[in-house]
Full PDB file with SEQRES, HELIX, SHEET, SSBOND, CRYST1, ORIGX, SCALE, CONECT and MASTER records, all heavy atoms in Angstrom:
SEQRES   1 A   35  LEU ASN ASN PHE LYS SER ALA GLY LYS LYS VAL THR ALA          
SEQRES   2 A   35  THR ALA ASP ASN TYR SER GLN SER GLN TYR PHE LEU ALA          
SEQRES   3 A   35  SER PHE ALA ASP GLN ILE ASN LEU ASN                          
HELIX    1 AA1 ASN A    2  LYS A    5  1                                   4    
HELIX    2 AA2 GLN A   20  ALA A   26  1                                   7    
SHEET    1 AA1 2 THR A  12  ALA A  15  0                                        
SHEET    2 AA1 2 GLN A  31  LEU A  34  1                                        
CRYST1    1.000    1.000    1.000  90.00  90.00  90.00 P 1           1          
ORIGX1      1.000000  0.000000  0.000000        0.00000                         
ORIGX2      0.000000  1.000000  0.000000        0.00000                         
ORIGX3      0.000000  0.000000  1.000000        0.00000                         
SCALE1      1.000000  0.000000  0.000000        0.00000                         
SCALE2      0.000000  1.000000  0.000000        0.00000                         
SCALE3      0.000000  0.000000  1.000000        0.00000                         
ATOM      1  N   LEU A   1     -22.568-190.168  34.650  1.00  0.00           N  
ATOM      2  CA  LEU A   1     -21.108-189.993  34.574  1.00  0.00           C  
ATOM      3  C   LEU A   1     -20.603-189.129  35.727  1.00  0.00           C  
ATOM      4  O   LEU A   1     -19.539-189.399  36.307  1.00  0.00           O  
ATOM      5  CB  LEU A   1     -20.728-189.363  33.232  1.00  0.00           C  
ATOM      6  CG  LEU A   1     -20.893-190.245  31.988  1.00  0.00           C  
ATOM      7  CD1 LEU A   1     -20.610-189.438  30.722  1.00  0.00           C  
ATOM      8  CD2 LEU A   1     -19.969-191.466  32.050  1.00  0.00           C  
ATOM      9  N   ASN A   2     -21.347-188.082  36.068  1.00  0.00           N  
ATOM     10  CA  ASN A   2     -20.955-187.258  37.216  1.00  0.00           C  
ATOM     11  C   ASN A   2     -20.969-188.073  38.504  1.00  0.00           C  
ATOM     12  O   ASN A   2     -20.096-187.912  39.367  1.00  0.00           O  
ATOM     13  CB  ASN A   2     -21.896-186.061  37.349  1.00  0.00           C  
ATOM     14  CG  ASN A   2     -21.556-184.940  36.376  1.00  0.00           C  
ATOM     15  OD1 ASN A   2     -20.435-184.868  35.864  1.00  0.00           O  
ATOM     16  ND2 ASN A   2     -22.520-184.082  36.109  1.00  0.00           N  
ATOM     17  N   ASN A   3     -21.958-188.931  38.633  1.00  0.00           N  
ATOM     18  CA  ASN A   3     -22.030-189.811  39.795  1.00  0.00           C  
ATOM     19  C   ASN A   3     -20.846-190.777  39.814  1.00  0.00           C  
ATOM     20  O   ASN A   3     -20.270-191.062  40.863  1.00  0.00           O  
ATOM     21  CB  ASN A   3     -23.352-190.586  39.772  1.00  0.00           C  
ATOM     22  CG  ASN A   3     -23.646-191.278  41.083  1.00  0.00           C  
ATOM     23  OD1 ASN A   3     -23.255-190.808  42.156  1.00  0.00           O  
ATOM     24  ND2 ASN A   3     -24.316-192.409  41.023  1.00  0.00           N  
ATOM     25  N   PHE A   4     -20.464-191.280  38.637  1.00  0.00           N  
ATOM     26  CA  PHE A   4     -19.295-192.154  38.503  1.00  0.00           C  
ATOM     27  C   PHE A   4     -18.030-191.419  38.951  1.00  0.00           C  
ATOM     28  O   PHE A   4     -17.193-191.956  39.686  1.00  0.00           O  
ATOM     29  CB  PHE A   4     -19.179-192.603  37.042  1.00  0.00           C  
ATOM     30  CG  PHE A   4     -17.949-193.400  36.711  1.00  0.00           C  
ATOM     31  CD1 PHE A   4     -17.920-194.780  36.903  1.00  0.00           C  
ATOM     32  CD2 PHE A   4     -16.812-192.780  36.204  1.00  0.00           C  
ATOM     33  CE1 PHE A   4     -16.784-195.519  36.591  1.00  0.00           C  
ATOM     34  CE2 PHE A   4     -15.675-193.509  35.893  1.00  0.00           C  
ATOM     35  CZ  PHE A   4     -15.664-194.881  36.089  1.00  0.00           C  
ATOM     36  N   LYS A   5     -17.897-190.163  38.526  1.00  0.00           N  
ATOM     37  CA  LYS A   5     -16.704-189.383  38.877  1.00  0.00           C  
ATOM     38  C   LYS A   5     -16.639-189.058  40.364  1.00  0.00           C  
ATOM     39  O   LYS A   5     -15.557-188.832  40.910  1.00  0.00           O  
ATOM     40  CB  LYS A   5     -16.676-188.082  38.058  1.00  0.00           C  
ATOM     41  CG  LYS A   5     -16.462-188.306  36.569  1.00  0.00           C  
ATOM     42  CD  LYS A   5     -16.184-187.010  35.825  1.00  0.00           C  
ATOM     43  CE  LYS A   5     -17.334-186.057  35.847  1.00  0.00           C  
ATOM     44  NZ  LYS A   5     -17.091-184.828  35.058  1.00  0.00           N  
ATOM     45  N   SER A   6     -17.806-189.050  41.027  1.00  0.00           N  
ATOM     46  CA  SER A   6     -17.819-188.746  42.457  1.00  0.00           C  
ATOM     47  C   SER A   6     -17.095-189.810  43.276  1.00  0.00           C  
ATOM     48  O   SER A   6     -16.752-189.579  44.440  1.00  0.00           O  
ATOM     49  CB  SER A   6     -19.267-188.601  42.953  1.00  0.00           C  
ATOM     50  OG  SER A   6     -19.936-189.853  42.951  1.00  0.00           O  
ATOM     51  N   ALA A   7     -16.859-190.975  42.657  1.00  0.00           N  
ATOM     52  CA  ALA A   7     -16.116-192.044  43.338  1.00  0.00           C  
ATOM     53  C   ALA A   7     -14.621-191.893  43.112  1.00  0.00           C  
ATOM     54  O   ALA A   7     -13.848-192.809  43.447  1.00  0.00           O  
ATOM     55  CB  ALA A   7     -16.584-193.413  42.837  1.00  0.00           C  
ATOM     56  N   GLY A   8     -14.190-190.762  42.549  1.00  0.00           N  
ATOM     57  CA  GLY A   8     -12.769-190.532  42.311  1.00  0.00           C  
ATOM     58  C   GLY A   8     -12.266-191.159  41.026  1.00  0.00           C  
ATOM     59  O   GLY A   8     -11.045-191.276  40.822  1.00  0.00           O  
ATOM     60  N   LYS A   9     -13.175-191.555  40.134  1.00  0.00           N  
ATOM     61  CA  LYS A   9     -12.789-192.169  38.873  1.00  0.00           C  
ATOM     62  C   LYS A   9     -12.879-191.134  37.754  1.00  0.00           C  
ATOM     63  O   LYS A   9     -13.655-190.191  37.832  1.00  0.00           O  
ATOM     64  CB  LYS A   9     -13.678-193.378  38.586  1.00  0.00           C  
ATOM     65  CG  LYS A   9     -13.616-194.435  39.696  1.00  0.00           C  
ATOM     66  CD  LYS A   9     -14.458-195.665  39.391  1.00  0.00           C  
ATOM     67  CE  LYS A   9     -14.327-196.706  40.502  1.00  0.00           C  
ATOM     68  NZ  LYS A   9     -15.029-197.972  40.182  1.00  0.00           N  
ATOM     69  N   LYS A  10     -12.084-191.325  36.707  1.00  0.00           N  
ATOM     70  CA  LYS A  10     -11.969-190.341  35.645  1.00  0.00           C  
ATOM     71  C   LYS A  10     -12.730-190.759  34.390  1.00  0.00           C  
ATOM     72  O   LYS A  10     -12.903-191.940  34.110  1.00  0.00           O  
ATOM     73  CB  LYS A  10     -10.482-190.135  35.289  1.00  0.00           C  
ATOM     74  CG  LYS A  10      -9.623-189.625  36.432  1.00  0.00           C  
ATOM     75  CD  LYS A  10     -10.033-188.214  36.840  1.00  0.00           C  
ATOM     76  CE  LYS A  10      -9.132-187.666  37.942  1.00  0.00           C  
ATOM     77  NZ  LYS A  10      -9.571-186.323  38.383  1.00  0.00           N  
ATOM     78  N   VAL A  11     -13.140-189.737  33.625  1.00  0.00           N  
ATOM     79  CA  VAL A  11     -13.804-189.960  32.339  1.00  0.00           C  
ATOM     80  C   VAL A  11     -13.057-189.160  31.273  1.00  0.00           C  
ATOM     81  O   VAL A  11     -12.841-187.955  31.428  1.00  0.00           O  
ATOM     82  CB  VAL A  11     -15.281-189.515  32.371  1.00  0.00           C  
ATOM     83  CG1 VAL A  11     -15.930-189.699  30.991  1.00  0.00           C  
ATOM     84  CG2 VAL A  11     -16.057-190.294  33.429  1.00  0.00           C  
ATOM     85  N   THR A  12     -12.655-189.843  30.205  1.00  0.00           N  
ATOM     86  CA  THR A  12     -11.953-189.215  29.082  1.00  0.00           C  
ATOM     87  C   THR A  12     -12.799-189.373  27.828  1.00  0.00           C  
ATOM     88  O   THR A  12     -13.339-190.448  27.566  1.00  0.00           O  
ATOM     89  CB  THR A  12     -10.575-189.863  28.851  1.00  0.00           C  
ATOM     90  OG1 THR A  12      -9.797-189.757  30.046  1.00  0.00           O  
ATOM     91  CG2 THR A  12      -9.837-189.193  27.704  1.00  0.00           C  
ATOM     92  N   ALA A  13     -12.924-188.295  27.038  1.00  0.00           N  
ATOM     93  CA  ALA A  13     -13.701-188.351  25.799  1.00  0.00           C  
ATOM     94  C   ALA A  13     -12.789-188.132  24.601  1.00  0.00           C  
ATOM     95  O   ALA A  13     -11.845-187.337  24.659  1.00  0.00           O  
ATOM     96  CB  ALA A  13     -14.797-187.290  25.803  1.00  0.00           C  
ATOM     97  N   THR A  14     -13.086-188.838  23.503  1.00  0.00           N  
ATOM     98  CA  THR A  14     -12.328-188.660  22.272  1.00  0.00           C  
ATOM     99  C   THR A  14     -13.232-188.861  21.071  1.00  0.00           C  
ATOM    100  O   THR A  14     -14.200-189.629  21.126  1.00  0.00           O  
ATOM    101  CB  THR A  14     -11.141-189.650  22.198  1.00  0.00           C  
ATOM    102  OG1 THR A  14     -10.388-189.393  21.015  1.00  0.00           O  
ATOM    103  CG2 THR A  14     -11.618-191.090  22.169  1.00  0.00           C  
ATOM    104  N   ALA A  15     -12.928-188.140  19.986  1.00  0.00           N  
ATOM    105  CA  ALA A  15     -13.653-188.291  18.726  1.00  0.00           C  
ATOM    106  C   ALA A  15     -12.860-187.596  17.630  1.00  0.00           C  
ATOM    107  O   ALA A  15     -12.071-186.677  17.899  1.00  0.00           O  
ATOM    108  CB  ALA A  15     -15.061-187.704  18.809  1.00  0.00           C  
ATOM    109  N   ASP A  16     -13.076-188.037  16.402  1.00  0.00           N  
ATOM    110  CA  ASP A  16     -12.456-187.339  15.265  1.00  0.00           C  
ATOM    111  C   ASP A  16     -13.172-186.022  15.018  1.00  0.00           C  
ATOM    112  O   ASP A  16     -12.554-185.012  14.694  1.00  0.00           O  
ATOM    113  CB  ASP A  16     -12.523-188.213  14.007  1.00  0.00           C  
ATOM    114  CG  ASP A  16     -11.567-189.393  14.067  1.00  0.00           C  
ATOM    115  OD1 ASP A  16     -10.586-189.323  14.830  1.00  0.00           O  
ATOM    116  OD2 ASP A  16     -11.810-190.392  13.362  1.00  0.00           O  
ATOM    117  N   ASN A  17     -14.475-186.037  15.146  1.00  0.00           N  
ATOM    118  CA  ASN A  17     -15.313-184.841  15.046  1.00  0.00           C  
ATOM    119  C   ASN A  17     -16.441-184.987  16.061  1.00  0.00           C  
ATOM    120  O   ASN A  17     -16.858-186.105  16.367  1.00  0.00           O  
ATOM    121  CB  ASN A  17     -15.911-184.696  13.645  1.00  0.00           C  
ATOM    122  CG  ASN A  17     -14.857-184.504  12.574  1.00  0.00           C  
ATOM    123  OD1 ASN A  17     -14.341-183.409  12.377  1.00  0.00           O  
ATOM    124  ND2 ASN A  17     -14.529-185.590  11.860  1.00  0.00           N  
ATOM    125  N   TYR A  18     -16.953-183.864  16.543  1.00  0.00           N  
ATOM    126  CA  TYR A  18     -18.075-183.908  17.485  1.00  0.00           C  
ATOM    127  C   TYR A  18     -19.299-183.257  16.859  1.00  0.00           C  
ATOM    128  O   TYR A  18     -19.252-182.088  16.450  1.00  0.00           O  
ATOM    129  CB  TYR A  18     -17.734-183.170  18.779  1.00  0.00           C  
ATOM    130  CG  TYR A  18     -16.742-183.874  19.670  1.00  0.00           C  
ATOM    131  CD1 TYR A  18     -15.404-183.479  19.697  1.00  0.00           C  
ATOM    132  CD2 TYR A  18     -17.136-184.926  20.486  1.00  0.00           C  
ATOM    133  CE1 TYR A  18     -14.485-184.118  20.525  1.00  0.00           C  
ATOM    134  CE2 TYR A  18     -16.226-185.571  21.318  1.00  0.00           C  
ATOM    135  CZ  TYR A  18     -14.904-185.164  21.328  1.00  0.00           C  
ATOM    136  OH  TYR A  18     -14.002-185.800  22.141  1.00  0.00           O  
ATOM    137  N   SER A  19     -20.381-184.017  16.799  1.00  0.00           N  
ATOM    138  CA  SER A  19     -21.675-183.422  16.462  1.00  0.00           C  
ATOM    139  C   SER A  19     -22.212-182.742  17.718  1.00  0.00           C  
ATOM    140  O   SER A  19     -21.619-182.827  18.804  1.00  0.00           O  
ATOM    141  CB  SER A  19     -22.652-184.493  15.986  1.00  0.00           C  
ATOM    142  OG  SER A  19     -22.989-185.356  17.070  1.00  0.00           O  
ATOM    143  N   GLN A  20     -23.354-182.097  17.586  1.00  0.00           N  
ATOM    144  CA  GLN A  20     -23.923-181.366  18.719  1.00  0.00           C  
ATOM    145  C   GLN A  20     -24.262-182.304  19.881  1.00  0.00           C  
ATOM    146  O   GLN A  20     -23.952-182.004  21.042  1.00  0.00           O  
ATOM    147  CB  GLN A  20     -25.169-180.620  18.256  1.00  0.00           C  
ATOM    148  CG  GLN A  20     -25.733-179.647  19.263  1.00  0.00           C  
ATOM    149  CD  GLN A  20     -26.659-178.652  18.607  1.00  0.00           C  
ATOM    150  OE1 GLN A  20     -26.219-177.731  17.935  1.00  0.00           O  
ATOM    151  NE2 GLN A  20     -27.954-178.839  18.779  1.00  0.00           N  
ATOM    152  N   SER A  21     -24.879-183.427  19.585  1.00  0.00           N  
ATOM    153  CA  SER A  21     -25.245-184.359  20.657  1.00  0.00           C  
ATOM    154  C   SER A  21     -24.016-185.058  21.219  1.00  0.00           C  
ATOM    155  O   SER A  21     -23.915-185.277  22.438  1.00  0.00           O  
ATOM    156  CB  SER A  21     -26.256-185.390  20.148  1.00  0.00           C  
ATOM    157  OG  SER A  21     -25.755-186.089  19.032  1.00  0.00           O  
ATOM    158  N   GLN A  22     -23.065-185.412  20.356  1.00  0.00           N  
ATOM    159  CA  GLN A  22     -21.827-186.040  20.835  1.00  0.00           C  
ATOM    160  C   GLN A  22     -21.073-185.099  21.764  1.00  0.00           C  
ATOM    161  O   GLN A  22     -20.555-185.524  22.806  1.00  0.00           O  
ATOM    162  CB  GLN A  22     -20.946-186.419  19.644  1.00  0.00           C  
ATOM    163  CG  GLN A  22     -21.487-187.551  18.789  1.00  0.00           C  
ATOM    164  CD  GLN A  22     -20.723-187.700  17.477  1.00  0.00           C  
ATOM    165  OE1 GLN A  22     -19.899-186.847  17.119  1.00  0.00           O  
ATOM    166  NE2 GLN A  22     -21.005-188.767  16.750  1.00  0.00           N  
ATOM    167  N   TYR A  23     -21.026-183.833  21.399  1.00  0.00           N  
ATOM    168  CA  TYR A  23     -20.277-182.885  22.228  1.00  0.00           C  
ATOM    169  C   TYR A  23     -20.956-182.671  23.579  1.00  0.00           C  
ATOM    170  O   TYR A  23     -20.283-182.531  24.614  1.00  0.00           O  
ATOM    171  CB  TYR A  23     -20.112-181.534  21.516  1.00  0.00           C  
ATOM    172  CG  TYR A  23     -19.305-180.575  22.341  1.00  0.00           C  
ATOM    173  CD1 TYR A  23     -17.923-180.735  22.478  1.00  0.00           C  
ATOM    174  CD2 TYR A  23     -19.908-179.542  23.046  1.00  0.00           C  
ATOM    175  CE1 TYR A  23     -17.171-179.889  23.279  1.00  0.00           C  
ATOM    176  CE2 TYR A  23     -19.175-178.693  23.852  1.00  0.00           C  
ATOM    177  CZ  TYR A  23     -17.805-178.874  23.968  1.00  0.00           C  
ATOM    178  OH  TYR A  23     -17.063-178.048  24.779  1.00  0.00           O  
ATOM    179  N   PHE A  24     -22.284-182.638  23.585  1.00  0.00           N  
ATOM    180  CA  PHE A  24     -22.993-182.476  24.857  1.00  0.00           C  
ATOM    181  C   PHE A  24     -22.595-183.576  25.836  1.00  0.00           C  
ATOM    182  O   PHE A  24     -22.312-183.309  27.013  1.00  0.00           O  
ATOM    183  CB  PHE A  24     -24.502-182.504  24.621  1.00  0.00           C  
ATOM    184  CG  PHE A  24     -25.326-182.237  25.860  1.00  0.00           C  
ATOM    185  CD1 PHE A  24     -25.564-180.954  26.289  1.00  0.00           C  
ATOM    186  CD2 PHE A  24     -25.850-183.291  26.594  1.00  0.00           C  
ATOM    187  CE1 PHE A  24     -26.326-180.702  27.437  1.00  0.00           C  
ATOM    188  CE2 PHE A  24     -26.602-183.063  27.741  1.00  0.00           C  
ATOM    189  CZ  PHE A  24     -26.836-181.763  28.160  1.00  0.00           C  
ATOM    190  N   LEU A  25     -22.545-184.816  25.352  1.00  0.00           N  
ATOM    191  CA  LEU A  25     -22.156-185.922  26.228  1.00  0.00           C  
ATOM    192  C   LEU A  25     -20.685-185.818  26.614  1.00  0.00           C  
ATOM    193  O   LEU A  25     -20.311-186.065  27.769  1.00  0.00           O  
ATOM    194  CB  LEU A  25     -22.430-187.258  25.532  1.00  0.00           C  
ATOM    195  CG  LEU A  25     -22.215-188.520  26.369  1.00  0.00           C  
ATOM    196  CD1 LEU A  25     -23.011-188.466  27.669  1.00  0.00           C  
ATOM    197  CD2 LEU A  25     -22.596-189.760  25.566  1.00  0.00           C  
ATOM    198  N   ALA A  26     -19.838-185.404  25.674  1.00  0.00           N  
ATOM    199  CA  ALA A  26     -18.414-185.260  25.957  1.00  0.00           C  
ATOM    200  C   ALA A  26     -18.142-184.212  27.026  1.00  0.00           C  
ATOM    201  O   ALA A  26     -17.153-184.307  27.768  1.00  0.00           O  
ATOM    202  CB  ALA A  26     -17.660-184.891  24.675  1.00  0.00           C  
ATOM    203  N   SER A  27     -19.031-183.224  27.148  1.00  0.00           N  
ATOM    204  CA  SER A  27     -18.801-182.140  28.114  1.00  0.00           C  
ATOM    205  C   SER A  27     -18.789-182.646  29.555  1.00  0.00           C  
ATOM    206  O   SER A  27     -18.285-181.951  30.451  1.00  0.00           O  
ATOM    207  CB  SER A  27     -19.864-181.049  27.948  1.00  0.00           C  
ATOM    208  OG  SER A  27     -21.136-181.500  28.401  1.00  0.00           O  
ATOM    209  N   PHE A  28     -19.314-183.844  29.796  1.00  0.00           N  
ATOM    210  CA  PHE A  28     -19.319-184.406  31.149  1.00  0.00           C  
ATOM    211  C   PHE A  28     -17.995-185.105  31.476  1.00  0.00           C  
ATOM    212  O   PHE A  28     -17.809-185.573  32.599  1.00  0.00           O  
ATOM    213  CB  PHE A  28     -20.475-185.402  31.304  1.00  0.00           C  
ATOM    214  CG  PHE A  28     -21.832-184.752  31.320  1.00  0.00           C  
ATOM    215  CD1 PHE A  28     -22.526-184.515  30.139  1.00  0.00           C  
ATOM    216  CD2 PHE A  28     -22.419-184.363  32.513  1.00  0.00           C  
ATOM    217  CE1 PHE A  28     -23.772-183.914  30.145  1.00  0.00           C  
ATOM    218  CE2 PHE A  28     -23.672-183.756  32.533  1.00  0.00           C  
ATOM    219  CZ  PHE A  28     -24.346-183.527  31.341  1.00  0.00           C  
ATOM    220  N   ALA A  29     -17.089-185.174  30.505  1.00  0.00           N  
ATOM    221  CA  ALA A  29     -15.803-185.837  30.726  1.00  0.00           C  
ATOM    222  C   ALA A  29     -14.826-184.900  31.441  1.00  0.00           C  
ATOM    223  O   ALA A  29     -14.951-183.672  31.390  1.00  0.00           O  
ATOM    224  CB  ALA A  29     -15.208-186.286  29.397  1.00  0.00           C  
ATOM    225  N   ASP A  30     -13.820-185.508  32.094  1.00  0.00           N  
ATOM    226  CA  ASP A  30     -12.765-184.710  32.723  1.00  0.00           C  
ATOM    227  C   ASP A  30     -11.866-184.082  31.670  1.00  0.00           C  
ATOM    228  O   ASP A  30     -11.318-183.001  31.875  1.00  0.00           O  
ATOM    229  CB  ASP A  30     -11.926-185.599  33.649  1.00  0.00           C  
ATOM    230  CG  ASP A  30     -12.725-186.105  34.835  1.00  0.00           C  
ATOM    231  OD1 ASP A  30     -13.089-185.291  35.694  1.00  0.00           O  
ATOM    232  OD2 ASP A  30     -13.004-187.326  34.885  1.00  0.00           O  
ATOM    233  N   GLN A  31     -11.727-184.783  30.534  1.00  0.00           N  
ATOM    234  CA  GLN A  31     -10.891-184.261  29.446  1.00  0.00           C  
ATOM    235  C   GLN A  31     -11.528-184.592  28.104  1.00  0.00           C  
ATOM    236  O   GLN A  31     -11.961-185.721  27.873  1.00  0.00           O  
ATOM    237  CB  GLN A  31      -9.484-184.853  29.495  1.00  0.00           C  
ATOM    238  CG  GLN A  31      -8.550-184.260  28.447  1.00  0.00           C  
ATOM    239  CD  GLN A  31      -7.183-184.927  28.437  1.00  0.00           C  
ATOM    240  OE1 GLN A  31      -7.053-186.078  28.037  1.00  0.00           O  
ATOM    241  NE2 GLN A  31      -6.160-184.201  28.889  1.00  0.00           N  
ATOM    242  N   ILE A  32     -11.600-183.580  27.222  1.00  0.00           N  
ATOM    243  CA  ILE A  32     -12.143-183.771  25.880  1.00  0.00           C  
ATOM    244  C   ILE A  32     -11.002-183.688  24.876  1.00  0.00           C  
ATOM    245  O   ILE A  32     -10.287-182.671  24.806  1.00  0.00           O  
ATOM    246  CB  ILE A  32     -13.203-182.711  25.541  1.00  0.00           C  
ATOM    247  CG1 ILE A  32     -14.342-182.739  26.560  1.00  0.00           C  
ATOM    248  CG2 ILE A  32     -13.755-182.938  24.135  1.00  0.00           C  
ATOM    249  CD1 ILE A  32     -15.410-181.683  26.312  1.00  0.00           C  
ATOM    250  N   ASN A  33     -10.832-184.754  24.100  1.00  0.00           N  
ATOM    251  CA  ASN A  33      -9.811-184.801  23.057  1.00  0.00           C  
ATOM    252  C   ASN A  33     -10.464-184.713  21.687  1.00  0.00           C  
ATOM    253  O   ASN A  33     -11.514-185.329  21.449  1.00  0.00           O  
ATOM    254  CB  ASN A  33      -9.021-186.104  23.147  1.00  0.00           C  
ATOM    255  CG  ASN A  33      -8.193-186.191  24.413  1.00  0.00           C  
ATOM    256  OD1 ASN A  33      -7.070-185.708  24.486  1.00  0.00           O  
ATOM    257  ND2 ASN A  33      -8.763-186.811  25.442  1.00  0.00           N  
ATOM    258  N   LEU A  34      -9.837-183.976  20.778  1.00  0.00           N  
ATOM    259  CA  LEU A  34     -10.325-183.829  19.419  1.00  0.00           C  
ATOM    260  C   LEU A  34      -9.189-184.107  18.447  1.00  0.00           C  
ATOM    261  O   LEU A  34      -8.055-183.655  18.651  1.00  0.00           O  
ATOM    262  CB  LEU A  34     -10.867-182.407  19.200  1.00  0.00           C  
ATOM    263  CG  LEU A  34     -11.277-182.020  17.777  1.00  0.00           C  
ATOM    264  CD1 LEU A  34     -12.492-182.836  17.323  1.00  0.00           C  
ATOM    265  CD2 LEU A  34     -11.567-180.523  17.681  1.00  0.00           C  
ATOM    266  N   ASN A  35      -9.490-184.839  17.384  1.00  0.00           N  
ATOM    267  CA  ASN A  35      -8.496-185.084  16.343  1.00  0.00           C  
ATOM    268  C   ASN A  35      -8.004-183.748  15.783  1.00  0.00           C  
ATOM    269  O   ASN A  35      -8.818-182.856  15.506  1.00  0.00           O  
ATOM    270  CB  ASN A  35      -9.135-185.925  15.225  1.00  0.00           C  
ATOM    271  CG  ASN A  35      -8.106-186.432  14.225  1.00  0.00           C  
ATOM    272  OD1 ASN A  35      -7.390-185.661  13.605  1.00  0.00           O  
ATOM    273  ND2 ASN A  35      -8.069-187.745  14.066  1.00  0.00           N  
TER     274      ASN A  35                                                      
MASTER        0    0    0    2    2    0    0    6  273    1    0    3          
END                                                                             
């Protein structure tokens, strides 16, 4: 995902709730949204 963002593209994350593993992956996003 970081390599993807290096091309000037954005990553957005969303979830109703984040587990520990879900949140780890979400941390690589440009923006993290939570319900």
